[in-house]
Protein backbone atom coordinates (compact mmCIF):
# COMPACT_ATOMS: atom_id res chain seq x y z
CA UNK A 1 -27.52 -65.50 -66.00
CA UNK A 2 -26.42 -63.62 -62.95
CA UNK A 3 -23.62 -61.14 -63.46
CA UNK A 4 -20.47 -61.69 -61.35
CA UNK A 5 -20.24 -59.35 -58.42
CA UNK A 6 -17.53 -56.91 -58.57
CA UNK A 7 -16.57 -54.73 -55.50
CA UNK A 8 -16.29 -50.98 -56.09
CA UNK A 9 -12.78 -49.61 -56.52
CA UNK A 10 -11.41 -47.72 -53.63
CA UNK A 11 -10.30 -45.14 -56.13
CA UNK A 12 -14.07 -44.46 -56.98
CA UNK A 13 -15.29 -43.31 -53.50
CA UNK A 14 -16.87 -40.00 -53.32
CA UNK A 15 -14.48 -37.20 -52.69
CA UNK A 16 -16.68 -35.73 -49.80
CA UNK A 17 -16.34 -39.04 -48.02
CA UNK A 18 -12.51 -39.03 -48.62
CA UNK A 19 -12.15 -35.56 -47.31
CA UNK A 20 -14.11 -36.58 -44.18
CA UNK A 21 -11.68 -39.60 -43.67
CA UNK A 22 -8.62 -37.39 -44.13
CA UNK A 23 -9.72 -35.22 -41.20
CA UNK A 24 -9.86 -38.29 -38.93
CA UNK A 25 -6.40 -39.25 -39.59
CA UNK A 26 -3.16 -38.55 -37.89
CA UNK A 27 -0.45 -36.91 -39.93
CA UNK A 28 1.56 -40.06 -40.65
CA UNK A 29 -1.61 -41.79 -41.77
CA UNK A 30 -2.52 -38.82 -43.99
CA UNK A 31 0.91 -38.98 -45.66
CA UNK A 32 0.20 -42.59 -46.56
CA UNK A 33 -3.34 -41.79 -47.61
CA UNK A 34 -2.12 -39.14 -50.01
CA UNK A 35 0.11 -41.70 -51.71
CA UNK A 36 -2.53 -44.09 -52.68
CA UNK A 37 -3.81 -42.63 -55.92
CA UNK A 38 -4.46 -39.29 -57.78
CA UNK A 39 -8.10 -38.92 -56.43
CA UNK A 40 -6.91 -39.49 -52.82
CA UNK A 41 -4.23 -37.08 -53.30
CA UNK A 42 -6.89 -34.55 -54.47
CA UNK A 43 -8.93 -35.20 -51.49
CA UNK A 44 -5.93 -34.64 -49.20
CA UNK A 45 -5.33 -31.29 -50.91
CA UNK A 46 -9.00 -30.33 -50.73
CA UNK A 47 -8.90 -31.19 -46.87
CA UNK A 48 -6.11 -28.68 -46.36
CA UNK A 49 -6.93 -25.95 -43.90
CA UNK A 50 -9.65 -27.88 -42.16
CA UNK A 51 -9.68 -28.55 -38.49
CA UNK A 52 -7.74 -31.62 -37.10
CA UNK A 53 -10.22 -33.77 -35.27
CA UNK A 54 -7.50 -36.17 -34.22
CA UNK A 55 -3.96 -35.15 -33.64
CA UNK A 56 -1.71 -36.31 -30.91
CA UNK A 57 1.30 -34.08 -29.99
CA UNK A 58 4.57 -34.53 -31.71
CA UNK A 59 7.86 -34.25 -29.93
CA UNK A 60 9.90 -31.71 -31.70
CA UNK A 61 13.66 -31.74 -31.22
CA UNK A 62 16.25 -29.46 -32.71
CA UNK A 63 18.98 -31.10 -34.85
CA UNK A 64 22.15 -29.56 -33.21
CA UNK A 65 24.63 -30.60 -35.84
CA UNK A 66 26.24 -27.09 -35.79
CA UNK A 67 27.41 -24.87 -32.85
CA UNK A 68 25.93 -21.93 -34.60
CA UNK A 69 22.41 -23.30 -34.66
CA UNK A 70 20.03 -25.65 -36.41
CA UNK A 71 18.29 -25.48 -39.81
CA UNK A 72 16.20 -28.64 -39.37
CA UNK A 73 14.22 -30.56 -36.53
CA UNK A 74 13.15 -33.94 -35.86
CA UNK A 75 9.39 -34.68 -35.31
CA UNK A 76 8.79 -37.77 -33.38
CA UNK A 77 5.25 -39.24 -33.46
CA UNK A 78 3.97 -41.05 -30.36
CA UNK A 79 1.89 -43.51 -32.46
CA UNK A 80 4.33 -45.06 -34.81
CA UNK A 81 7.43 -44.08 -32.98
CA UNK A 82 8.94 -42.91 -36.26
CA UNK A 83 11.15 -39.71 -36.59
CA UNK A 84 10.51 -37.19 -39.47
CA UNK A 85 12.92 -34.48 -40.57
CA UNK A 86 11.40 -31.03 -41.00
CA UNK A 87 13.43 -27.99 -42.31
CA UNK A 88 13.13 -24.57 -41.02
CA UNK A 89 12.73 -21.89 -43.70
CA UNK A 90 14.74 -18.63 -43.97
CA UNK A 91 17.54 -18.95 -41.35
CA UNK A 92 18.40 -21.12 -38.30
CA UNK A 93 16.80 -21.87 -35.17
CA UNK A 94 18.85 -22.03 -31.97
CA UNK A 95 16.21 -22.72 -29.41
CA UNK A 96 12.49 -24.06 -29.08
CA UNK A 97 10.82 -21.56 -26.77
CA UNK A 98 7.21 -22.84 -26.90
CA UNK A 99 4.36 -24.40 -28.95
CA UNK A 100 0.85 -22.85 -28.87
CA UNK A 101 -2.28 -23.03 -30.95
CA UNK A 102 -0.60 -24.99 -33.72
CA UNK A 103 2.45 -22.77 -33.98
CA UNK A 104 6.01 -23.48 -32.85
CA UNK A 105 7.91 -20.57 -31.11
CA UNK A 106 11.63 -20.54 -32.02
CA UNK A 107 14.56 -18.25 -31.45
CA UNK A 108 16.34 -17.65 -34.61
CA UNK A 109 20.13 -16.69 -35.00
CA UNK A 110 19.61 -12.98 -34.50
CA UNK A 111 18.15 -14.04 -31.92
CA UNK A 112 14.53 -12.85 -32.32
CA UNK A 113 11.38 -14.94 -31.58
CA UNK A 114 9.44 -16.33 -34.62
CA UNK A 115 6.28 -18.17 -34.93
CA UNK A 116 6.49 -21.12 -37.29
CA UNK A 117 3.83 -23.33 -38.77
CA UNK A 118 6.06 -26.30 -40.01
CA UNK A 119 3.41 -27.76 -42.19
CA UNK A 120 2.21 -24.62 -43.88
CA UNK A 121 5.90 -23.43 -43.89
CA UNK A 122 4.52 -19.96 -42.63
CA UNK A 123 6.37 -17.59 -40.26
CA UNK A 124 5.39 -14.74 -38.25
CA UNK A 125 8.00 -12.42 -36.71
CA UNK A 126 7.46 -11.30 -33.10
CA UNK A 127 9.19 -8.04 -31.87
CA UNK A 128 12.96 -8.34 -31.88
CA UNK A 129 15.11 -9.10 -28.90
CA UNK A 130 16.09 -5.47 -28.75
CA UNK A 131 12.41 -4.73 -27.97
CA UNK A 132 13.18 -5.96 -24.35
CA UNK A 133 14.70 -2.55 -23.86
CA UNK A 134 14.74 -2.79 -19.99
CA UNK A 135 16.47 -6.07 -19.99
CA UNK A 136 18.92 -6.16 -23.03
CA UNK A 137 20.53 -3.83 -25.52
CA UNK A 138 22.32 -4.38 -28.78
CA UNK A 139 26.06 -3.72 -29.32
CA UNK A 140 26.79 -2.36 -32.76
CA UNK A 141 29.95 -2.08 -34.89
CA UNK A 142 31.23 0.96 -36.81
CA UNK A 143 29.29 -0.44 -39.90
CA UNK A 144 26.06 -0.32 -38.09
CA UNK A 145 25.54 -4.17 -37.85
CA UNK A 146 24.83 -5.80 -34.53
CA UNK A 147 27.77 -7.59 -32.99
CA UNK A 148 26.39 -8.76 -29.62
CA UNK A 149 24.14 -8.03 -26.74
CA UNK A 150 24.60 -6.62 -23.25
CA UNK A 151 22.31 -7.63 -20.39
CA UNK A 152 21.00 -4.64 -18.31
CA UNK A 153 20.10 -6.50 -15.13
CA UNK A 154 23.34 -7.99 -14.13
CA UNK A 155 25.88 -6.20 -12.04
CA UNK A 156 28.49 -7.03 -14.68
CA UNK A 157 26.20 -5.51 -17.25
CA UNK A 158 29.14 -4.26 -19.41
CA UNK A 159 29.96 -7.82 -20.52
CA UNK A 160 29.03 -8.31 -24.21
CA UNK A 161 27.66 -11.56 -25.28
CA UNK A 162 27.84 -12.91 -28.95
CA UNK A 163 24.72 -12.74 -31.17
CA UNK A 164 23.71 -16.33 -30.84
CA UNK A 165 23.93 -17.06 -27.11
CA UNK A 166 21.03 -14.91 -25.85
CA UNK A 167 18.66 -17.18 -28.00
CA UNK A 168 19.87 -20.15 -26.01
CA UNK A 169 19.68 -18.54 -22.63
CA UNK A 170 17.42 -15.44 -22.64
CA UNK A 171 13.86 -17.01 -23.46
CA UNK A 172 12.38 -19.47 -21.02
CA UNK A 173 8.73 -19.92 -22.30
CA UNK A 174 6.37 -18.21 -24.71
CA UNK A 175 2.50 -18.68 -24.65
CA UNK A 176 -0.08 -17.32 -27.13
CA UNK A 177 -3.70 -16.25 -26.16
CA UNK A 178 -4.94 -17.69 -29.50
CA UNK A 179 -4.02 -18.46 -32.97
CA UNK A 180 -2.25 -15.51 -34.70
CA UNK A 181 -3.72 -16.64 -38.06
CA UNK A 182 -7.22 -16.11 -36.86
CA UNK A 183 -7.05 -12.33 -36.81
CA UNK A 184 -7.99 -12.04 -33.11
CA UNK A 185 -5.06 -9.88 -32.01
CA UNK A 186 -3.30 -12.73 -30.28
CA UNK A 187 -1.07 -11.82 -27.23
CA UNK A 188 2.34 -13.41 -26.75
CA UNK A 189 3.50 -13.67 -23.13
CA UNK A 190 7.25 -14.40 -22.46
CA UNK A 191 9.01 -15.71 -19.36
CA UNK A 192 12.59 -14.77 -19.70
CA UNK A 193 16.03 -14.29 -18.08
CA UNK A 194 15.95 -17.41 -16.02
CA UNK A 195 12.47 -16.93 -14.88
CA UNK A 196 12.99 -13.50 -13.44
CA UNK A 197 11.03 -11.35 -15.94
CA UNK A 198 7.58 -11.50 -17.57
CA UNK A 199 6.75 -9.56 -20.69
CA UNK A 200 4.13 -9.37 -23.37
CA UNK A 201 3.44 -8.08 -26.86
CA UNK A 202 0.60 -8.23 -29.37
CA UNK A 203 1.22 -10.30 -32.42
CA UNK A 204 1.65 -7.98 -35.36
CA UNK A 205 1.62 -4.97 -33.22
CA UNK A 206 4.41 -2.47 -32.11
CA UNK A 207 7.99 -3.59 -32.31
CA UNK A 208 8.66 -3.77 -28.63
CA UNK A 209 8.05 -5.96 -25.62
CA UNK A 210 6.38 -4.54 -22.50
CA UNK A 211 7.88 -5.61 -19.09
CA UNK A 212 5.07 -6.68 -16.69
CA UNK A 213 7.03 -8.03 -13.72
CA UNK A 214 10.67 -8.01 -12.74
CA UNK A 215 11.79 -10.02 -9.74
CA UNK A 216 15.20 -8.67 -9.79
CA UNK A 217 13.90 -5.24 -8.78
CA UNK A 218 13.16 -6.43 -5.26
CA UNK A 219 16.07 -9.00 -5.08
CA UNK A 220 13.55 -11.93 -4.82
CA UNK A 221 14.93 -15.47 -4.93
CA UNK A 222 11.67 -16.75 -6.33
CA UNK A 223 11.25 -17.28 -10.12
CA UNK A 224 8.36 -17.82 -12.47
CA UNK A 225 7.45 -21.57 -12.88
CA UNK A 226 4.73 -21.37 -15.51
CA UNK A 227 2.14 -19.18 -17.35
CA UNK A 228 -1.19 -20.33 -18.94
CA UNK A 229 -3.91 -18.74 -20.94
CA UNK A 230 -7.29 -19.60 -19.27
CA UNK A 231 -10.73 -18.24 -20.06
CA UNK A 232 -11.08 -15.14 -22.26
CA UNK A 233 -8.59 -12.43 -21.75
CA UNK A 234 -6.93 -13.82 -18.58
CA UNK A 235 -3.41 -15.27 -18.13
CA UNK A 236 -2.27 -16.83 -14.86
CA UNK A 237 1.29 -16.91 -13.71
CA UNK A 238 2.72 -19.25 -11.12
CA UNK A 239 6.04 -18.90 -9.24
CA UNK A 240 8.18 -21.59 -7.90
CA UNK A 241 7.03 -20.75 -4.42
CA UNK A 242 3.33 -21.14 -5.38
CA UNK A 243 2.35 -17.55 -5.82
CA UNK A 244 -0.49 -17.47 -8.35
CA UNK A 245 -1.44 -14.13 -10.08
CA UNK A 246 -3.97 -13.33 -12.80
CA UNK A 247 -3.57 -10.81 -15.59
CA UNK A 248 -6.55 -9.45 -17.44
CA UNK A 249 -5.77 -8.12 -20.87
CA UNK A 250 -9.20 -6.49 -21.51
CA UNK A 251 -7.58 -3.08 -21.24
CA UNK A 252 -4.39 -1.55 -22.65
CA UNK A 253 -2.90 -1.75 -19.16
CA UNK A 254 -3.52 -5.25 -17.86
CA UNK A 255 -5.22 -5.67 -14.47
CA UNK A 256 -3.17 -7.67 -12.11
CA UNK A 257 -4.82 -9.75 -9.19
CA UNK A 258 -3.22 -11.93 -6.55
CA UNK A 259 -5.12 -15.27 -6.35
CA UNK A 260 -3.12 -17.33 -3.93
CA UNK A 261 -0.01 -16.59 -1.78
CA UNK A 262 2.89 -18.83 -1.58
CA UNK A 263 2.47 -22.42 -0.29
CA UNK A 264 4.79 -24.49 1.83
CA UNK A 265 5.47 -27.20 -0.66
CA UNK A 266 9.18 -27.43 -1.79
CA UNK A 267 8.41 -28.34 -5.43
CA UNK A 268 11.11 -28.99 -8.07
CA UNK A 269 8.72 -27.90 -10.91
CA UNK A 270 5.24 -26.29 -11.15
CA UNK A 271 2.78 -26.16 -13.98
CA UNK A 272 -0.56 -24.64 -14.71
CA UNK A 273 -3.11 -26.42 -16.83
CA UNK A 274 -6.36 -25.16 -18.39
CA UNK A 275 -8.61 -28.30 -18.92
CA UNK A 276 -11.36 -28.83 -21.54
CA UNK A 277 -13.91 -29.14 -18.73
CA UNK A 278 -13.09 -25.61 -17.44
CA UNK A 279 -10.75 -26.30 -14.43
CA UNK A 280 -7.52 -24.60 -13.69
CA UNK A 281 -5.06 -27.10 -12.30
CA UNK A 282 -1.68 -26.68 -10.61
CA UNK A 283 0.71 -29.56 -10.86
CA UNK A 284 3.70 -29.91 -8.45
CA UNK A 285 6.59 -32.24 -9.04
CA UNK A 286 8.09 -32.99 -5.60
CA UNK A 287 11.43 -34.80 -4.85
CA UNK A 288 10.49 -37.75 -2.72
CA UNK A 289 13.04 -40.29 -1.63
CA UNK A 290 10.42 -42.63 -0.38
CA UNK A 291 9.39 -43.28 -3.99
CA UNK A 292 11.32 -45.67 -6.12
CA UNK A 293 11.42 -43.22 -9.00
CA UNK A 294 12.40 -40.40 -6.60
CA UNK A 295 9.39 -38.23 -7.31
CA UNK A 296 5.72 -37.47 -6.33
CA UNK A 297 3.42 -35.54 -8.61
CA UNK A 298 0.52 -33.69 -6.91
CA UNK A 299 -2.45 -32.09 -8.61
CA UNK A 300 -4.71 -29.43 -7.22
CA UNK A 301 -7.75 -27.66 -8.62
CA UNK A 302 -7.47 -23.90 -8.32
CA UNK A 303 -10.83 -22.66 -6.86
CA UNK A 304 -10.93 -19.10 -8.28
CA UNK A 305 -13.91 -18.04 -6.13
CA UNK A 306 -12.54 -19.01 -2.73
CA UNK A 307 -8.94 -18.55 -3.87
CA UNK A 308 -7.63 -21.78 -2.45
CA UNK A 309 -6.29 -25.09 -3.74
CA UNK A 310 -8.39 -28.21 -3.69
CA UNK A 311 -6.55 -31.49 -3.67
CA UNK A 312 -7.42 -34.09 -6.35
CA UNK A 313 -7.08 -37.82 -6.56
CA UNK A 314 -5.47 -39.15 -9.74
CA UNK A 315 -8.91 -40.08 -10.97
CA UNK A 316 -10.44 -36.67 -10.22
CA UNK A 317 -7.50 -34.86 -11.63
CA UNK A 318 -7.21 -35.78 -15.21
CA UNK A 319 -10.56 -37.82 -15.69
CA UNK A 320 -9.03 -40.48 -17.86
CA UNK A 321 -7.21 -37.84 -19.99
CA UNK A 322 -3.46 -37.56 -20.95
CA UNK A 323 -1.56 -34.48 -20.34
CA UNK A 324 1.57 -33.21 -22.17
CA UNK A 325 3.69 -30.65 -20.35
CA UNK A 326 6.85 -28.62 -20.83
CA UNK A 327 7.39 -25.45 -22.68
CA UNK A 328 4.39 -25.93 -24.72
CA UNK A 329 0.87 -24.77 -23.93
CA UNK A 330 -0.52 -27.83 -22.07
CA UNK A 331 -2.22 -30.38 -24.29
CA UNK A 332 -5.10 -32.32 -22.51
CA UNK A 333 -6.43 -35.39 -24.63
CA UNK A 334 -9.13 -37.80 -23.90
CA UNK A 335 -8.11 -41.53 -24.00
CA UNK A 336 -11.71 -42.40 -25.07
CA UNK A 337 -10.91 -40.61 -28.35
CA UNK A 338 -7.09 -41.34 -28.37
CA UNK A 339 -7.08 -44.96 -27.52
CA UNK A 340 -3.28 -45.29 -28.04
CA UNK A 341 -2.53 -42.84 -25.13
CA UNK A 342 -2.22 -43.84 -21.49
CA UNK A 343 -5.03 -42.70 -19.26
CA UNK A 344 -4.21 -40.50 -16.22
CA UNK A 345 -0.58 -40.04 -17.30
CA UNK A 346 1.55 -36.94 -17.86
CA UNK A 347 4.20 -36.71 -20.46
CA UNK A 348 7.00 -34.19 -19.58
CA UNK A 349 9.81 -32.79 -21.58
CA UNK A 350 13.10 -31.72 -19.97
CA UNK A 351 12.27 -28.80 -17.68
CA UNK A 352 13.65 -25.33 -18.43
CA UNK A 353 12.10 -23.61 -15.39
CA UNK A 354 12.96 -25.35 -12.13
CA UNK A 355 13.93 -25.22 -8.52
CA UNK A 356 17.54 -25.74 -9.35
CA UNK A 357 18.70 -26.63 -5.84
CA UNK A 358 16.25 -29.40 -5.58
CA UNK A 359 16.58 -30.60 -9.21
CA UNK A 360 20.39 -30.76 -8.69
CA UNK A 361 19.95 -33.41 -6.02
CA UNK A 362 22.38 -36.27 -6.48
CA UNK A 363 19.46 -38.78 -6.28
CA UNK A 364 17.68 -36.99 -9.17
CA UNK A 365 16.75 -39.58 -11.98
CA UNK A 366 14.92 -37.15 -14.12
CA UNK A 367 16.40 -37.01 -17.67
CA UNK A 368 14.96 -36.59 -21.05
CA UNK A 369 11.32 -37.12 -22.01
CA UNK A 370 9.34 -38.91 -19.23
CA UNK A 371 5.84 -40.22 -18.70
CA UNK A 372 4.46 -40.28 -15.25
CA UNK A 373 1.61 -42.59 -14.21
CA UNK A 374 -0.51 -40.78 -11.55
CA UNK A 375 -2.18 -44.05 -10.30
CA UNK A 376 0.92 -46.24 -10.27
CA UNK A 377 3.14 -43.35 -9.33
CA UNK A 378 5.78 -44.61 -11.87
CA UNK A 379 8.19 -42.68 -13.89
CA UNK A 380 9.69 -43.98 -17.19
CA UNK A 381 11.17 -42.96 -20.40
CA UNK A 382 8.48 -41.99 -23.08
CA UNK A 383 10.89 -43.02 -25.79
CA UNK A 384 13.94 -45.40 -25.95
CA UNK A 385 16.84 -43.91 -24.20
CA UNK A 386 18.61 -41.38 -26.39
CA UNK A 387 21.62 -40.54 -24.09
CA UNK A 388 19.98 -37.64 -22.27
CA UNK A 389 21.79 -36.16 -19.24
CA UNK A 390 20.16 -34.83 -16.05
CA UNK A 391 20.13 -31.09 -15.66
CA UNK A 392 18.47 -27.77 -16.57
CA UNK A 393 17.58 -27.42 -20.32
CA UNK A 394 19.83 -24.26 -20.76
CA UNK A 395 19.24 -24.60 -24.43
CA UNK A 396 15.68 -25.60 -24.97
CA UNK A 397 15.91 -28.37 -27.60
CA UNK A 398 12.48 -30.16 -27.43
CA UNK A 399 8.79 -29.29 -27.11
CA UNK A 400 5.33 -31.03 -27.60
CA UNK A 401 3.66 -29.72 -30.69
CA UNK A 402 0.12 -30.26 -31.69
CA UNK A 403 -1.08 -29.20 -35.26
CA UNK A 404 -4.25 -27.19 -35.12
CA UNK A 405 -5.20 -27.62 -38.85
CA UNK A 406 -4.72 -30.21 -41.43
CA UNK A 407 -1.78 -29.04 -43.59
CA UNK A 408 -2.65 -26.12 -45.82
CA UNK A 409 -2.68 -26.10 -49.62
CA UNK A 410 1.02 -25.65 -49.61
CA UNK A 411 1.06 -29.13 -48.09
CA UNK A 412 2.23 -30.70 -51.39
CA UNK A 413 5.02 -28.12 -51.73
CA UNK A 414 6.31 -28.91 -48.12
CA UNK A 415 6.21 -32.65 -48.62
CA UNK A 416 9.92 -32.74 -49.57
CA UNK A 417 10.93 -31.18 -46.20
CA UNK A 418 9.01 -33.88 -44.27
CA UNK A 419 10.36 -37.43 -44.54
CA UNK A 420 10.83 -40.55 -42.42
CA UNK A 421 14.40 -40.45 -41.18
CA UNK A 422 14.48 -44.03 -40.06
């Protein structure tokens, strides 16, 4: 007599296979995976700390339910369009200043910069705001406690600002050279004071920021538009007028080198992108009344040897990849691997650094989080309309964030802080 066939139980799969499966999942899928049974939960815990082989960026937005800052944020996933609530540990966040190598960069209520891994619930303090000693100074009360700050580069430099406001206005963008958890001596670069200054510090190093460039010293109307880490120890900065400069951090005193002088393009926004295939790209957003959406996006490859820009077609530029831009370090993902993403498209968050004269044009239709299709030249909302207004993001409230590792062994402890808010 033939025994009846019984299919193996899913709970009986080998744990090595389950761990491999977990590393292929997006975080919402991993949360559901973890809830299946005790064995799958154990596999999820064992997978913690491993590399994420498949993670699309999350849109992180601050919850601004208090004028004195926020203690939580909303994580919106592109795949399921759901929103998850994530709490900030130890203090409030008043601004999102960047996202790089799996870490968020936030300004707290002091307002100092803090690196934060939201899934490991780990924080790393960067040098305090008073470490920008050439740009800002603290104002202290008789009890020795800080009461406010005074900017040193304005003519009305004697005006005192409250403790919170510099966090919303002083920082423009923060970029890291690498993961600070890798023990590689990561460098943090900061564009600050409305794009006029550029400073750096080593993560875990001395408690001050070193000013590299100040555009206020020569009364220059230009501002920094973007900064990116590209190839080894080099960072590249780009101004709104198109001046491209490299900084090599191999030595204690970084070497500075002019790559390209200003161009004649009147761009609203400019970005730099380091691609997985080794190219350095410059992206220009240009106001164009001939386009239905009011904008044209141009992409050039920076030829570092000849020091010139090489124009690219939409197909050549992104090579069927999707690009996420804003205050984050650019994320470039292949649509062959991430089938849900749209090829040759760019997802933008509300800009912080911009040509304010052009951006303020009354025909400007740019508001909130947008996706631009390079081939179709269309601009549309990346998410359902949320009531965003046009204008400069004076208080940075949203950024693209890509986890670099599957949640650590503290993942189970952090589960209560991560929940679907729908």
